[in-house]
Amino acid sequence: MSFAEVGLVGAGGTPPAFYAVFGVFLAAFVVLAVVTVRWAVRRDRAGRAEWVRRQAAAEHGGSLDGATANGQTPSRAQRQAAGTGTGGRPSARALGRNRAGNRRARGHRPGS
């Protein structure tokens, strides 16, 4: 008993439309795999860079960019006392700017 007798193999072969559709799905799978791997590698590199930054901060006994040596984020009161916003960079208030990012009129002289 052969596969053809059971009906598992078609007599006329595989239609060309199957190859076209299969090729499209195969190409989409490869593109998705490449995009996923690139995303994972990029995220891993960013994570490793952050880890190295935290290690450097711990070695120097201080903090870089507003983070503490143990990786914890400082409280809002600590950030305000240091003059930094949520991102570890100086806040608009510390830079003398208003919410729109413009210099405050009080105490500002043109050309300074």
PDB file of N, CA and C in Angstrom:
ATOM      1  N   MET A   1       0.842  -1.152   0.000  1.00  0.00           N
ATOM      2  CA  MET A   1       0.000   0.000   0.000  1.00  0.00           C
ATOM      3  C   MET A   1       0.900   1.232   0.000  1.00  0.00           C
ATOM      4  N   SER A   2       0.716   2.123  -0.936  1.00  0.00           N
ATOM      5  CA  SER A   2       1.534   3.333  -1.052  1.00  0.00           C
ATOM      6  C   SER A   2       0.730   4.542  -0.584  1.00  0.00           C
ATOM      7  N   PHE A   3       1.435   5.664  -0.425  1.00  0.00           N
ATOM      8  CA  PHE A   3       0.768   6.884   0.011  1.00  0.00           C
ATOM      9  C   PHE A   3      -0.238   7.367  -1.016  1.00  0.00           C
ATOM     10  N   ALA A   4       0.023   7.149  -2.279  1.00  0.00           N
ATOM     11  CA  ALA A   4      -0.897   7.580  -3.327  1.00  0.00           C
ATOM     12  C   ALA A   4      -2.209   6.825  -3.237  1.00  0.00           C
ATOM     13  N   GLU A   5      -2.147   5.553  -2.874  1.00  0.00           N
ATOM     14  CA  GLU A   5      -3.368   4.767  -2.765  1.00  0.00           C
ATOM     15  C   GLU A   5      -4.218   5.221  -1.587  1.00  0.00           C
ATOM     16  N   VAL A   6      -3.598   5.665  -0.520  1.00  0.00           N
ATOM     17  CA  VAL A   6      -4.340   6.105   0.655  1.00  0.00           C
ATOM     18  C   VAL A   6      -4.925   7.496   0.435  1.00  0.00           C
ATOM     19  N   GLY A   7      -4.352   8.284  -0.465  1.00  0.00           N
ATOM     20  CA  GLY A   7      -4.834   9.636  -0.726  1.00  0.00           C
ATOM     21  C   GLY A   7      -4.037  10.700  -0.011  1.00  0.00           C
ATOM     22  N   LEU A   8      -2.846  10.360   0.503  1.00  0.00           N
ATOM     23  CA  LEU A   8      -2.025  11.341   1.196  1.00  0.00           C
ATOM     24  C   LEU A   8      -1.199  12.178   0.234  1.00  0.00           C
ATOM     25  N   VAL A   9      -1.032  11.730  -0.982  1.00  0.00           N
ATOM     26  CA  VAL A   9      -0.271  12.459  -1.985  1.00  0.00           C
ATOM     27  C   VAL A   9      -1.204  12.737  -3.140  1.00  0.00           C
ATOM     28  N   GLY A  10      -1.272  14.004  -3.531  1.00  0.00           N
ATOM     29  CA  GLY A  10      -2.155  14.363  -4.635  1.00  0.00           C
ATOM     30  C   GLY A  10      -1.621  13.847  -5.957  1.00  0.00           C
ATOM     31  N   ALA A  11      -2.510  13.519  -6.848  1.00  0.00           N
ATOM     32  CA  ALA A  11      -2.113  12.973  -8.136  1.00  0.00           C
ATOM     33  C   ALA A  11      -1.516  14.043  -9.032  1.00  0.00           C
ATOM     34  N   GLY A  12      -2.025  15.258  -8.933  1.00  0.00           N
ATOM     35  CA  GLY A  12      -1.566  16.304  -9.837  1.00  0.00           C
ATOM     36  C   GLY A  12      -0.381  17.091  -9.320  1.00  0.00           C
ATOM     37  N   GLY A  13       0.097  16.815  -8.147  1.00  0.00           N
ATOM     38  CA  GLY A  13       1.210  17.589  -7.579  1.00  0.00           C
ATOM     39  C   GLY A  13       0.698  18.782  -6.803  1.00  0.00           C
ATOM     40  N   THR A  14       1.609  19.626  -6.390  1.00  0.00           N
ATOM     41  CA  THR A  14       1.251  20.791  -5.594  1.00  0.00           C
ATOM     42  C   THR A  14       1.034  21.986  -6.514  1.00  0.00           C
ATOM     43  N   PRO A  15      -0.047  22.705  -6.322  1.00  0.00           N
ATOM     44  CA  PRO A  15      -0.326  23.857  -7.192  1.00  0.00           C
ATOM     45  C   PRO A  15       0.683  24.985  -6.965  1.00  0.00           C
ATOM     46  N   PRO A  16       0.985  25.747  -7.985  1.00  0.00           N
ATOM     47  CA  PRO A  16       1.951  26.858  -7.853  1.00  0.00           C
ATOM     48  C   PRO A  16       1.503  27.932  -6.855  1.00  0.00           C
ATOM     49  N   ALA A  17       0.200  28.101  -6.666  1.00  0.00           N
ATOM     50  CA  ALA A  17      -0.293  29.109  -5.719  1.00  0.00           C
ATOM     51  C   ALA A  17       0.177  28.782  -4.297  1.00  0.00           C
ATOM     52  N   PHE A  18       0.268  27.491  -3.979  1.00  0.00           N
ATOM     53  CA  PHE A  18       0.746  27.103  -2.646  1.00  0.00           C
ATOM     54  C   PHE A  18       2.175  27.583  -2.444  1.00  0.00           C
ATOM     55  N   TYR A  19       3.016  27.402  -3.456  1.00  0.00           N
ATOM     56  CA  TYR A  19       4.410  27.837  -3.336  1.00  0.00           C
ATOM     57  C   TYR A  19       4.507  29.352  -3.166  1.00  0.00           C
ATOM     58  N   ALA A  20       3.641  30.089  -3.872  1.00  0.00           N
ATOM     59  CA  ALA A  20       3.654  31.549  -3.754  1.00  0.00           C
ATOM     60  C   ALA A  20       3.246  31.986  -2.350  1.00  0.00           C
ATOM     61  N   VAL A  21       2.159  31.420  -1.842  1.00  0.00           N
ATOM     62  CA  VAL A  21       1.685  31.794  -0.511  1.00  0.00           C
ATOM     63  C   VAL A  21       2.682  31.341   0.549  1.00  0.00           C
ATOM     64  N   PHE A  22       3.214  30.132   0.387  1.00  0.00           N
ATOM     65  CA  PHE A  22       4.196  29.630   1.348  1.00  0.00           C
ATOM     66  C   PHE A  22       5.440  30.518   1.359  1.00  0.00           C
ATOM     67  N   GLY A  23       5.869  30.966   0.186  1.00  0.00           N
ATOM     68  CA  GLY A  23       7.025  31.859   0.092  1.00  0.00           C
ATOM     69  C   GLY A  23       6.784  33.182   0.803  1.00  0.00           C
ATOM     70  N   VAL A  24       5.578  33.716   0.654  1.00  0.00           N
ATOM     71  CA  VAL A  24       5.247  34.972   1.325  1.00  0.00           C
ATOM     72  C   VAL A  24       5.291  34.781   2.843  1.00  0.00           C
ATOM     73  N   PHE A  25       4.696  33.706   3.336  1.00  0.00           N
ATOM     74  CA  PHE A  25       4.718  33.450   4.773  1.00  0.00           C
ATOM     75  C   PHE A  25       6.132  33.192   5.281  1.00  0.00           C
ATOM     76  N   LEU A  26       6.921  32.500   4.501  1.00  0.00           N
ATOM     77  CA  LEU A  26       8.304  32.234   4.899  1.00  0.00           C
ATOM     78  C   LEU A  26       9.100  33.537   4.981  1.00  0.00           C
ATOM     79  N   ALA A  27       8.924  34.405   3.990  1.00  0.00           N
ATOM     80  CA  ALA A  27       9.621  35.699   4.002  1.00  0.00           C
ATOM     81  C   ALA A  27       9.171  36.547   5.196  1.00  0.00           C
ATOM     82  N   ALA A  28       7.865  36.544   5.489  1.00  0.00           N
ATOM     83  CA  ALA A  28       7.357  37.312   6.635  1.00  0.00           C
ATOM     84  C   ALA A  28       7.926  36.761   7.938  1.00  0.00           C
ATOM     85  N   PHE A  29       8.053  35.458   8.044  1.00  0.00           N
ATOM     86  CA  PHE A  29       8.616  34.845   9.248  1.00  0.00           C
ATOM     87  C   PHE A  29      10.077  35.242   9.425  1.00  0.00           C
ATOM     88  N   VAL A  30      10.823  35.232   8.343  1.00  0.00           N
ATOM     89  CA  VAL A  30      12.243  35.602   8.423  1.00  0.00           C
ATOM     90  C   VAL A  30      12.389  37.075   8.827  1.00  0.00           C
ATOM     91  N   VAL A  31      11.574  37.946   8.234  1.00  0.00           N
ATOM     92  CA  VAL A  31      11.628  39.374   8.580  1.00  0.00           C
ATOM     93  C   VAL A  31      11.267  39.571  10.048  1.00  0.00           C
ATOM     94  N   LEU A  32      10.229  38.892  10.518  1.00  0.00           N
ATOM     95  CA  LEU A  32       9.829  39.008  11.917  1.00  0.00           C
ATOM     96  C   LEU A  32      10.931  38.505  12.852  1.00  0.00           C
ATOM     97  N   ALA A  33      11.581  37.433  12.486  1.00  0.00           N
ATOM     98  CA  ALA A  33      12.668  36.895  13.305  1.00  0.00           C
ATOM     99  C   ALA A  33      13.831  37.880  13.373  1.00  0.00           C
ATOM    100  N   VAL A  34      14.191  38.478  12.242  1.00  0.00           N
ATOM    101  CA  VAL A  34      15.295  39.448  12.216  1.00  0.00           C
ATOM    102  C   VAL A  34      14.952  40.667  13.058  1.00  0.00           C
ATOM    103  N   VAL A  35      13.738  41.176  12.928  1.00  0.00           N
ATOM    104  CA  VAL A  35      13.329  42.346  13.706  1.00  0.00           C
ATOM    105  C   VAL A  35      13.348  42.022  15.197  1.00  0.00           C
ATOM    106  N   THR A  36      12.877  40.842  15.566  1.00  0.00           N
ATOM    107  CA  THR A  36      12.855  40.443  16.973  1.00  0.00           C
ATOM    108  C   THR A  36      14.265  40.324  17.545  1.00  0.00           C
ATOM    109  N   VAL A  37      15.162  39.719  16.795  1.00  0.00           N
ATOM    110  CA  VAL A  37      16.536  39.558  17.277  1.00  0.00           C
ATOM    111  C   VAL A  37      17.219  40.919  17.405  1.00  0.00           C
ATOM    112  N   ARG A  38      17.002  41.803  16.430  1.00  0.00           N
ATOM    113  CA  ARG A  38      17.618  43.133  16.512  1.00  0.00           C
ATOM    114  C   ARG A  38      17.093  43.905  17.712  1.00  0.00           C
ATOM    115  N   TRP A  39      15.781  43.800  17.969  1.00  0.00           N
ATOM    116  CA  TRP A  39      15.188  44.476  19.121  1.00  0.00           C
ATOM    117  C   TRP A  39      15.787  43.928  20.420  1.00  0.00           C
ATOM    118  N   ALA A  40      15.909  42.608  20.504  1.00  0.00           N
ATOM    119  CA  ALA A  40      16.444  41.994  21.720  1.00  0.00           C
ATOM    120  C   ALA A  40      17.899  42.395  21.950  1.00  0.00           C
ATOM    121  N   VAL A  41      18.689  42.421  20.892  1.00  0.00           N
ATOM    122  CA  VAL A  41      20.098  42.801  21.029  1.00  0.00           C
ATOM    123  C   VAL A  41      20.210  44.263  21.444  1.00  0.00           C
ATOM    124  N   ARG A  42      19.407  45.121  20.834  1.00  0.00           N
ATOM    125  CA  ARG A  42      19.447  46.545  21.183  1.00  0.00           C
ATOM    126  C   ARG A  42      19.049  46.749  22.644  1.00  0.00           C
ATOM    127  N   ARG A  43      18.027  46.050  23.085  1.00  0.00           N
ATOM    128  CA  ARG A  43      17.582  46.173  24.467  1.00  0.00           C
ATOM    129  C   ARG A  43      18.634  45.624  25.428  1.00  0.00           C
ATOM    130  N   ASP A  44      19.280  44.543  25.035  1.00  0.00           N
ATOM    131  CA  ASP A  44      20.323  43.968  25.882  1.00  0.00           C
ATOM    132  C   ASP A  44      21.506  44.918  26.002  1.00  0.00           C
ATOM    133  N   ARG A  45      21.894  45.533  24.902  1.00  0.00           N
ATOM    134  CA  ARG A  45      23.016  46.483  24.955  1.00  0.00           C
ATOM    135  C   ARG A  45      22.692  47.665  25.846  1.00  0.00           C
ATOM    136  N   ALA A  46      21.452  48.176  25.741  1.00  0.00           N
ATOM    137  CA  ALA A  46      21.051  49.297  26.592  1.00  0.00           C
ATOM    138  C   ALA A  46      21.055  48.884  28.059  1.00  0.00           C
ATOM    139  N   GLY A  47      20.579  47.674  28.324  1.00  0.00           N
ATOM    140  CA  GLY A  47      20.579  47.182  29.703  1.00  0.00           C
ATOM    141  C   GLY A  47      21.982  47.007  30.246  1.00  0.00           C
ATOM    142  N   ARG A  48      22.870  46.486  29.415  1.00  0.00           N
ATOM    143  CA  ARG A  48      24.259  46.318  29.856  1.00  0.00           C
ATOM    144  C   ARG A  48      24.934  47.665  30.083  1.00  0.00           C
ATOM    145  N   ALA A  49      24.652  48.642  29.224  1.00  0.00           N
ATOM    146  CA  ALA A  49      25.231  49.973  29.407  1.00  0.00           C
ATOM    147  C   ALA A  49      24.738  50.594  30.707  1.00  0.00           C
ATOM    148  N   GLU A  50      23.465  50.414  31.014  1.00  0.00           N
ATOM    149  CA  GLU A  50      22.919  50.922  32.268  1.00  0.00           C
ATOM    150  C   GLU A  50      23.557  50.210  33.458  1.00  0.00           C
ATOM    151  N   TRP A  51      23.763  48.912  33.338  1.00  0.00           N
ATOM    152  CA  TRP A  51      24.390  48.140  34.412  1.00  0.00           C
ATOM    153  C   TRP A  51      25.824  48.624  34.640  1.00  0.00           C
ATOM    154  N   VAL A  52      26.562  48.850  33.553  1.00  0.00           N
ATOM    155  CA  VAL A  52      27.938  49.346  33.674  1.00  0.00           C
ATOM    156  C   VAL A  52      27.934  50.727  34.312  1.00  0.00           C
ATOM    157  N   ARG A  53      26.977  51.558  33.941  1.00  0.00           N
ATOM    158  CA  ARG A  53      26.882  52.895  34.520  1.00  0.00           C
ATOM    159  C   ARG A  53      26.632  52.802  36.025  1.00  0.00           C
ATOM    160  N   ARG A  54      25.740  51.900  36.427  1.00  0.00           N
ATOM    161  CA  ARG A  54      25.475  51.731  37.856  1.00  0.00           C
ATOM    162  C   ARG A  54      26.691  51.173  38.583  1.00  0.00           C
ATOM    163  N   GLN A  55      27.423  50.267  37.929  1.00  0.00           N
ATOM    164  CA  GLN A  55      28.629  49.724  38.556  1.00  0.00           C
ATOM    165  C   GLN A  55      29.674  50.820  38.739  1.00  0.00           C
ATOM    166  N   ALA A  56      29.821  51.673  37.738  1.00  0.00           N
ATOM    167  CA  ALA A  56      30.779  52.778  37.841  1.00  0.00           C
ATOM    168  C   ALA A  56      30.378  53.726  38.962  1.00  0.00           C
ATOM    169  N   ALA A  57      29.076  53.966  39.100  1.00  0.00           N
ATOM    170  CA  ALA A  57      28.606  54.845  40.172  1.00  0.00           C
ATOM    171  C   ALA A  57      28.888  54.213  41.527  1.00  0.00           C
ATOM    172  N   ALA A  58      28.720  52.911  41.626  1.00  0.00           N
ATOM    173  CA  ALA A  58      28.965  52.228  42.898  1.00  0.00           C
ATOM    174  C   ALA A  58      30.458  52.239  43.236  1.00  0.00           C
ATOM    175  N   GLU A  59      31.321  52.108  42.238  1.00  0.00           N
ATOM    176  CA  GLU A  59      32.768  52.117  42.478  1.00  0.00           C
ATOM    177  C   GLU A  59      33.245  53.479  42.962  1.00  0.00           C
ATOM    178  N   HIS A  60      32.631  54.535  42.417  1.00  0.00           N
ATOM    179  CA  HIS A  60      33.048  55.883  42.790  1.00  0.00           C
ATOM    180  C   HIS A  60      32.372  56.347  44.069  1.00  0.00           C
ATOM    181  N   GLY A  61      31.473  55.528  44.599  1.00  0.00           N
ATOM    182  CA  GLY A  61      30.826  55.856  45.854  1.00  0.00           C
ATOM    183  C   GLY A  61      29.782  56.934  45.742  1.00  0.00           C
ATOM    184  N   GLY A  62      29.513  57.404  44.583  1.00  0.00           N
ATOM    185  CA  GLY A  62      28.505  58.436  44.398  1.00  0.00           C
ATOM    186  C   GLY A  62      27.467  57.976  43.411  1.00  0.00           C
ATOM    187  N   SER A  63      26.764  58.926  42.917  1.00  0.00           N
ATOM    188  CA  SER A  63      25.735  58.578  41.949  1.00  0.00           C
ATOM    189  C   SER A  63      25.993  59.342  40.660  1.00  0.00           C
ATOM    190  N   LEU A  64      25.678  58.701  39.585  1.00  0.00           N
ATOM    191  CA  LEU A  64      25.750  59.335  38.282  1.00  0.00           C
ATOM    192  C   LEU A  64      24.343  59.563  37.798  1.00  0.00           C
ATOM    193  N   ASP A  65      24.059  60.753  37.334  1.00  0.00           N
ATOM    194  CA  ASP A  65      22.793  61.052  36.702  1.00  0.00           C
ATOM    195  C   ASP A  65      21.609  60.915  37.662  1.00  0.00           C
ATOM    196  N   GLY A  66      21.805  61.129  38.937  1.00  0.00           N
ATOM    197  CA  GLY A  66      20.697  61.160  39.865  1.00  0.00           C
ATOM    198  C   GLY A  66      20.323  59.831  40.479  1.00  0.00           C
ATOM    199  N   ALA A  67      20.909  58.736  40.052  1.00  0.00           N
ATOM    200  CA  ALA A  67      20.589  57.435  40.642  1.00  0.00           C
ATOM    201  C   ALA A  67      21.532  57.171  41.809  1.00  0.00           C
ATOM    202  N   THR A  68      21.039  56.446  42.781  1.00  0.00           N
ATOM    203  CA  THR A  68      21.897  56.109  43.912  1.00  0.00           C
ATOM    204  C   THR A  68      22.748  54.908  43.550  1.00  0.00           C
ATOM    205  N   ALA A  69      23.743  54.616  44.371  1.00  0.00           N
ATOM    206  CA  ALA A  69      24.685  53.550  44.068  1.00  0.00           C
ATOM    207  C   ALA A  69      24.019  52.183  44.040  1.00  0.00           C
ATOM    208  N   ASN A  70      22.941  51.994  44.800  1.00  0.00           N
ATOM    209  CA  ASN A  70      22.281  50.696  44.807  1.00  0.00           C
ATOM    210  C   ASN A  70      21.227  50.571  43.722  1.00  0.00           C
ATOM    211  N   GLY A  71      21.132  51.549  42.850  1.00  0.00           N
ATOM    212  CA  GLY A  71      20.197  51.474  41.730  1.00  0.00           C
ATOM    213  C   GLY A  71      18.820  52.018  42.031  1.00  0.00           C
ATOM    214  N   GLN A  72      18.583  52.456  43.268  1.00  0.00           N
ATOM    215  CA  GLN A  72      17.280  52.992  43.629  1.00  0.00           C
ATOM    216  C   GLN A  72      17.149  54.426  43.133  1.00  0.00           C
ATOM    217  N   THR A  73      15.949  54.816  42.808  1.00  0.00           N
ATOM    218  CA  THR A  73      15.688  56.180  42.380  1.00  0.00           C
ATOM    219  C   THR A  73      15.484  57.048  43.612  1.00  0.00           C
ATOM    220  N   PRO A  74      16.123  58.219  43.665  1.00  0.00           N
ATOM    221  CA  PRO A  74      15.952  59.096  44.815  1.00  0.00           C
ATOM    222  C   PRO A  74      14.504  59.567  44.931  1.00  0.00           C
ATOM    223  N   SER A  75      14.106  59.930  46.134  1.00  0.00           N
ATOM    224  CA  SER A  75      12.747  60.420  46.345  1.00  0.00           C
ATOM    225  C   SER A  75      12.591  61.789  45.692  1.00  0.00           C
ATOM    226  N   ARG A  76      11.354  62.221  45.583  1.00  0.00           N
ATOM    227  CA  ARG A  76      11.085  63.512  44.964  1.00  0.00           C
ATOM    228  C   ARG A  76      11.747  64.642  45.754  1.00  0.00           C
ATOM    229  N   ALA A  77      11.696  64.546  47.075  1.00  0.00           N
ATOM    230  CA  ALA A  77      12.321  65.577  47.906  1.00  0.00           C
ATOM    231  C   ALA A  77      13.832  65.607  47.684  1.00  0.00           C
ATOM    232  N   GLN A  78      14.453  64.438  47.540  1.00  0.00           N
ATOM    233  CA  GLN A  78      15.895  64.398  47.299  1.00  0.00           C
ATOM    234  C   GLN A  78      16.231  64.985  45.926  1.00  0.00           C
ATOM    235  N   ARG A  79      15.403  64.698  44.941  1.00  0.00           N
ATOM    236  CA  ARG A  79      15.654  65.246  43.603  1.00  0.00           C
ATOM    237  C   ARG A  79      15.491  66.756  43.596  1.00  0.00           C
ATOM    238  N   GLN A  80      14.458  67.247  44.306  1.00  0.00           N
ATOM    239  CA  GLN A  80      14.261  68.695  44.355  1.00  0.00           C
ATOM    240  C   GLN A  80      15.399  69.381  45.092  1.00  0.00           C
ATOM    241  N   ALA A  81      15.884  68.751  46.152  1.00  0.00           N
ATOM    242  CA  ALA A  81      17.004  69.334  46.895  1.00  0.00           C
ATOM    243  C   ALA A  81      18.263  69.369  46.037  1.00  0.00           C
ATOM    244  N   ALA A  82      18.427  68.368  45.166  1.00  0.00           N
ATOM    245  CA  ALA A  82      19.593  68.318  44.293  1.00  0.00           C
ATOM    246  C   ALA A  82      19.400  69.173  43.047  1.00  0.00           C
ATOM    247  N   GLY A  83      18.160  69.639  42.824  1.00  0.00           N
ATOM    248  CA  GLY A  83      17.894  70.465  41.655  1.00  0.00           C
ATOM    249  C   GLY A  83      17.730  69.656  40.380  1.00  0.00           C
ATOM    250  N   THR A  84      17.387  68.390  40.517  1.00  0.00           N
ATOM    251  CA  THR A  84      17.187  67.567  39.328  1.00  0.00           C
ATOM    252  C   THR A  84      15.743  67.143  39.236  1.00  0.00           C
ATOM    253  N   GLY A  85      15.275  66.950  38.018  1.00  0.00           N
ATOM    254  CA  GLY A  85      13.919  66.467  37.792  1.00  0.00           C
ATOM    255  C   GLY A  85      13.898  64.957  37.840  1.00  0.00           C
ATOM    256  N   THR A  86      12.895  64.357  37.206  1.00  0.00           N
ATOM    257  CA  THR A  86      12.744  62.908  37.272  1.00  0.00           C
ATOM    258  C   THR A  86      13.805  62.192  36.458  1.00  0.00           C
ATOM    259  N   GLY A  87      14.374  62.831  35.448  1.00  0.00           N
ATOM    260  CA  GLY A  87      15.336  62.159  34.586  1.00  0.00           C
ATOM    261  C   GLY A  87      16.778  62.305  35.026  1.00  0.00           C
ATOM    262  N   GLY A  88      17.040  62.921  36.161  1.00  0.00           N
ATOM    263  CA  GLY A  88      18.394  63.076  36.627  1.00  0.00           C
ATOM    264  C   GLY A  88      19.102  64.280  36.040  1.00  0.00           C
ATOM    265  N   ARG A  89      18.423  65.036  35.217  1.00  0.00           N
ATOM    266  CA  ARG A  89      19.019  66.251  34.676  1.00  0.00           C
ATOM    267  C   ARG A  89      18.428  67.441  35.420  1.00  0.00           C
ATOM    268  N   PRO A  90      19.060  68.598  35.377  1.00  0.00           N
ATOM    269  CA  PRO A  90      18.541  69.746  36.114  1.00  0.00           C
ATOM    270  C   PRO A  90      17.127  70.087  35.691  1.00  0.00           C
ATOM    271  N   SER A  91      16.294  70.398  36.661  1.00  0.00           N
ATOM    272  CA  SER A  91      14.906  70.723  36.364  1.00  0.00           C
ATOM    273  C   SER A  91      14.816  72.120  35.766  1.00  0.00           C
ATOM    274  N   ALA A  92      13.647  72.410  35.196  1.00  0.00           N
ATOM    275  CA  ALA A  92      13.418  73.735  34.621  1.00  0.00           C
ATOM    276  C   ALA A  92      13.535  74.795  35.705  1.00  0.00           C
ATOM    277  N   ARG A  93      13.067  74.470  36.907  1.00  0.00           N
ATOM    278  CA  ARG A  93      13.151  75.423  38.007  1.00  0.00           C
ATOM    279  C   ARG A  93      14.608  75.707  38.357  1.00  0.00           C
ATOM    280  N   ALA A  94      15.430  74.667  38.374  1.00  0.00           N
ATOM    281  CA  ALA A  94      16.840  74.856  38.705  1.00  0.00           C
ATOM    282  C   ALA A  94      17.555  75.656  37.617  1.00  0.00           C
ATOM    283  N   LEU A  95      17.102  75.529  36.388  1.00  0.00           N
ATOM    284  CA  LEU A  95      17.719  76.278  35.294  1.00  0.00           C
ATOM    285  C   LEU A  95      17.135  77.670  35.139  1.00  0.00           C
ATOM    286  N   GLY A  96      16.122  77.992  35.951  1.00  0.00           N
ATOM    287  CA  GLY A  96      15.510  79.310  35.852  1.00  0.00           C
ATOM    288  C   GLY A  96      14.596  79.425  34.652  1.00  0.00           C
ATOM    289  N   ARG A  97      13.911  78.357  34.317  1.00  0.00           N
ATOM    290  CA  ARG A  97      13.008  78.378  33.165  1.00  0.00           C
ATOM    291  C   ARG A  97      11.583  78.098  33.627  1.00  0.00           C
ATOM    292  N   ASN A  98      10.634  78.551  32.805  1.00  0.00           N
ATOM    293  CA  ASN A  98       9.242  78.251  33.110  1.00  0.00           C
ATOM    294  C   ASN A  98       8.864  76.917  32.473  1.00  0.00           C
ATOM    295  N   ARG A  99       7.594  76.525  32.589  1.00  0.00           N
ATOM    296  CA  ARG A  99       7.171  75.218  32.078  1.00  0.00           C
ATOM    297  C   ARG A  99       7.329  75.085  30.574  1.00  0.00           C
ATOM    298  N   ALA A 100       7.254  76.181  29.858  1.00  0.00           N
ATOM    299  CA  ALA A 100       7.402  76.135  28.400  1.00  0.00           C
ATOM    300  C   ALA A 100       8.863  76.047  27.987  1.00  0.00           C
ATOM    301  N   GLY A 101       9.785  76.138  28.943  1.00  0.00           N
ATOM    302  CA  GLY A 101      11.200  76.038  28.628  1.00  0.00           C
ATOM    303  C   GLY A 101      11.858  77.370  28.349  1.00  0.00           C
ATOM    304  N   ASN A 102      11.089  78.455  28.504  1.00  0.00           N
ATOM    305  CA  ASN A 102      11.654  79.786  28.266  1.00  0.00           C
ATOM    306  C   ASN A 102      12.267  80.323  29.553  1.00  0.00           C
ATOM    307  N   ARG A 103      13.245  81.192  29.385  1.00  0.00           N
ATOM    308  CA  ARG A 103      13.848  81.831  30.555  1.00  0.00           C
ATOM    309  C   ARG A 103      12.794  82.663  31.262  1.00  0.00           C
ATOM    310  N   ARG A 104      12.859  82.667  32.566  1.00  0.00           N
ATOM    311  CA  ARG A 104      11.931  83.491  33.337  1.00  0.00           C
ATOM    312  C   ARG A 104      12.273  84.958  33.150  1.00  0.00           C
ATOM    313  N   ALA A 105      11.240  85.780  33.143  1.00  0.00           N
ATOM    314  CA  ALA A 105      11.440  87.212  32.932  1.00  0.00           C
ATOM    315  C   ALA A 105      12.110  87.850  34.138  1.00  0.00           C
ATOM    316  N   ARG A 106      11.842  87.349  35.332  1.00  0.00           N
ATOM    317  CA  ARG A 106      12.380  87.938  36.542  1.00  0.00           C
ATOM    318  C   ARG A 106      13.897  87.695  36.607  1.00  0.00           C
ATOM    319  N   GLY A 107      14.641  88.746  36.650  1.00  0.00           N
ATOM    320  CA  GLY A 107      16.083  88.634  36.803  1.00  0.00           C
ATOM    321  C   GLY A 107      16.818  88.318  35.515  1.00  0.00           C
ATOM    322  N   HIS A 108      16.094  88.211  34.403  1.00  0.00           N
ATOM    323  CA  HIS A 108      16.760  87.890  33.139  1.00  0.00           C
ATOM    324  C   HIS A 108      17.007  89.170  32.355  1.00  0.00           C
ATOM    325  N   ARG A 109      18.240  89.338  31.924  1.00  0.00           N
ATOM    326  CA  ARG A 109      18.587  90.502  31.119  1.00  0.00           C
ATOM    327  C   ARG A 109      18.917  90.017  29.709  1.00  0.00           C
ATOM    328  N   PRO A 110      18.455  90.719  28.709  1.00  0.00           N
ATOM    329  CA  PRO A 110      18.798  90.314  27.329  1.00  0.00           C
ATOM    330  C   PRO A 110      20.308  90.319  27.136  1.00  0.00           C
ATOM    331  N   GLY A 111      20.785  89.320  26.437  1.00  0.00           N
ATOM    332  CA  GLY A 111      22.200  89.235  26.137  1.00  0.00           C
ATOM    333  C   GLY A 111      23.003  88.488  27.184  1.00  0.00           C
ATOM    334  N   SER A 112      22.349  88.002  28.235  1.00  0.00           N
ATOM    335  CA  SER A 112      23.116  87.285  29.266  1.00  0.00           C
ATOM    336  C   SER A 112      22.882  85.804  29.164  1.00  0.00           C
TER     337      SER A 112
END
